[in-house]
Structures are given as C-alpha cells and as structure tokens.
C-alpha cells in the first residue's frame, strides 16, 4: 500500500491549509468539486477578513487548549491559528512570544492584565 505523507499541519496560513483541499480533490478524482469549494471558502474567508479589518476596535484575545494534568497550551505566534486571529483583526496576546510552545495556567494569565474583558475561545478536554 503506497503511503503519501501530508504536510498540511505545517502550513502557517489558513489559506495554505485550505489549498490542501485541492490536493485531496485531485487524489480522489473530485477536483472540480474541490476547486469549487476551495474558491467559495477562500472568497468567504477573504470577505470576512476585509470586514474585520474595517473594525475600529481591536480586542486583546487568547485561545487555548487544556490537556489533562497540564496547563493550558496556546498556539505559537507563527501558527495558522494565530494568523486566523490576525486576519480576524484581534490582538493575540502571545503574538510577540517566540518560544516553541506556549503554556500557562489560567490564573496567571488572568492576573497578568494582558487580556481585555472580551470573549475567549477555549477548548477543553473531550
């Protein structure tokens, strides 16, 4: 059985990850359908990003995932998740942190004063 490694997880931009849809469509002989979905999704993403760029307020946000027994993990500033936050015209509080992986307990983050009183996107276990 041939093995084909996928490197989509290494893409640093959301649209770069979306491009892998075209590759999958090509492999599954559904390129026309894949290209249509790609174009539609890309257009919607670009429109949403342009709309967000016109906003006068740029809230400070953070996003993370909890792992049992560990602190919260936060995406690196060069990740596609951080890029999505940038495209959404929000300030990701870890955007200047160049460490390989970011983790912090929520109490420390909350007491730091870095975060506006804005909605937070969190993903917990399960």
Protein backbone atom coordinates (compact mmCIF):
# COMPACT_ATOMS: atom_id res chain seq x y z
CA UNK A 1 0.00 0.00 0.00
CA UNK A 2 1.51 3.34 -1.01
CA UNK A 3 1.87 5.92 1.72
CA UNK A 4 1.52 9.61 1.00
CA UNK A 5 2.59 11.94 3.81
CA UNK A 6 0.51 15.07 4.28
CA UNK A 7 2.23 18.22 5.41
CA UNK A 8 -0.86 20.38 5.82
CA UNK A 9 -0.18 20.72 9.54
CA UNK A 10 2.99 22.65 8.69
CA UNK A 11 1.11 25.35 6.80
CA UNK A 12 1.39 28.67 8.62
CA UNK A 13 -1.64 30.25 7.00
CA UNK A 14 -5.30 29.25 6.95
CA UNK A 15 -5.46 29.63 3.17
CA UNK A 16 -2.34 27.50 2.85
CA UNK A 17 -4.13 24.75 4.72
CA UNK A 18 -7.16 25.23 2.54
CA UNK A 19 -5.02 24.58 -0.54
CA UNK A 20 -4.57 21.01 0.62
CA UNK A 21 -8.27 20.54 -0.20
CA UNK A 22 -7.31 20.83 -3.86
CA UNK A 23 -4.65 18.18 -3.45
CA UNK A 24 -7.13 15.79 -1.81
CA UNK A 25 -9.68 16.51 -4.53
CA UNK A 26 -7.09 15.71 -7.18
CA UNK A 27 -6.25 12.42 -5.49
CA UNK A 28 -9.90 11.43 -5.19
CA UNK A 29 -10.86 12.44 -8.72
CA UNK A 30 -13.17 15.19 -7.43
CA UNK A 31 -11.06 18.17 -8.47
CA UNK A 32 -13.93 20.15 -10.00
CA UNK A 33 -16.00 19.91 -6.81
CA UNK A 34 -12.94 20.57 -4.63
CA UNK A 35 -11.98 23.62 -6.68
CA UNK A 36 -15.50 25.00 -6.33
CA UNK A 37 -15.47 24.52 -2.54
CA UNK A 38 -11.97 25.98 -2.36
CA UNK A 39 -12.96 29.12 -4.28
CA UNK A 40 -16.11 29.61 -2.21
CA UNK A 41 -14.32 29.12 1.12
CA UNK A 42 -11.41 31.34 0.10
CA UNK A 43 -13.78 34.10 -1.00
CA UNK A 44 -15.76 33.93 2.26
CA UNK A 45 -12.55 33.99 4.31
CA UNK A 46 -11.19 37.00 2.43
CA UNK A 47 -14.50 38.86 2.75
CA UNK A 48 -14.66 38.19 6.49
CA UNK A 49 -11.05 39.32 6.91
CA UNK A 50 -11.70 42.53 4.96
CA UNK A 51 -14.79 43.25 7.05
CA UNK A 52 -12.85 42.68 10.28
CA UNK A 53 -10.06 44.98 9.10
CA UNK A 54 -12.54 47.87 8.95
CA UNK A 55 -13.42 47.48 12.64
CA UNK A 56 -12.37 50.39 14.81
CA UNK A 57 -11.76 48.22 17.87
CA UNK A 58 -9.11 45.50 18.04
CA UNK A 59 -9.68 43.48 21.23
CA UNK A 60 -6.95 41.53 23.00
CA UNK A 61 -7.74 37.83 22.94
CA UNK A 62 -6.25 34.48 23.73
CA UNK A 63 -7.12 30.99 22.62
CA UNK A 64 -6.01 27.72 24.11
CA UNK A 65 -6.47 24.02 24.68
CA UNK A 66 -6.35 22.24 28.03
CA UNK A 67 -4.61 18.93 28.40
CA UNK A 68 -5.37 16.81 31.48
CA UNK A 69 -2.67 17.28 34.10
CA UNK A 70 -1.09 20.20 32.26
CA UNK A 71 -1.54 23.92 31.94
CA UNK A 72 -3.34 25.43 29.00
CA UNK A 73 -1.49 25.31 25.69
CA UNK A 74 -1.59 28.40 23.49
CA UNK A 75 -0.79 28.47 19.75
CA UNK A 76 2.58 29.82 18.68
CA UNK A 77 2.54 33.27 17.06
CA UNK A 78 3.58 31.82 13.69
CA UNK A 79 0.81 29.20 13.64
CA UNK A 80 -2.17 29.21 11.34
CA UNK A 81 -4.41 29.74 14.38
CA UNK A 82 -2.56 32.94 15.30
CA UNK A 83 -2.79 34.01 11.66
CA UNK A 84 -6.57 33.50 11.75
CA UNK A 85 -6.75 35.75 14.79
CA UNK A 86 -4.69 38.36 12.94
CA UNK A 87 -6.99 38.06 9.92
CA UNK A 88 -9.95 38.50 12.30
CA UNK A 89 -8.44 41.84 13.38
CA UNK A 90 -7.88 40.90 17.01
CA UNK A 91 -4.69 41.23 19.01
CA UNK A 92 -3.39 37.82 20.09
CA UNK A 93 -1.64 38.45 23.40
CA UNK A 94 1.10 35.91 22.62
CA UNK A 95 1.88 37.35 19.18
CA UNK A 96 5.30 38.61 20.33
CA UNK A 97 6.33 35.39 22.13
CA UNK A 98 8.82 33.45 20.03
CA UNK A 99 9.09 30.34 22.19
CA UNK A 100 8.49 26.96 20.61
CA UNK A 101 5.39 26.08 22.61
CA UNK A 102 3.38 28.23 24.94
CA UNK A 103 1.71 27.06 28.12
CA UNK A 104 0.44 28.91 31.14
CA UNK A 105 -2.07 28.39 33.90
CA UNK A 106 -5.22 30.46 33.58
CA UNK A 107 -4.85 32.12 36.98
CA UNK A 108 -1.50 33.62 35.95
CA UNK A 109 -2.91 34.78 32.63
CA UNK A 110 -5.98 36.33 34.25
CA UNK A 111 -3.89 38.20 36.80
CA UNK A 112 -1.45 39.49 34.18
CA UNK A 113 -3.72 42.28 32.95
CA UNK A 114 -2.87 41.42 29.33
CA UNK A 115 -6.40 40.48 28.34
CA UNK A 116 -9.34 42.77 27.69
CA UNK A 117 -12.66 41.77 29.16
CA UNK A 118 -13.63 40.10 25.89
CA UNK A 119 -14.90 36.67 24.85
CA UNK A 120 -12.34 33.90 24.98
CA UNK A 121 -12.18 30.83 22.74
CA UNK A 122 -11.17 27.80 24.78
CA UNK A 123 -11.16 24.13 24.05
CA UNK A 124 -11.11 21.78 26.99
CA UNK A 125 -10.53 18.05 27.18
CA UNK A 126 -13.08 15.84 25.46
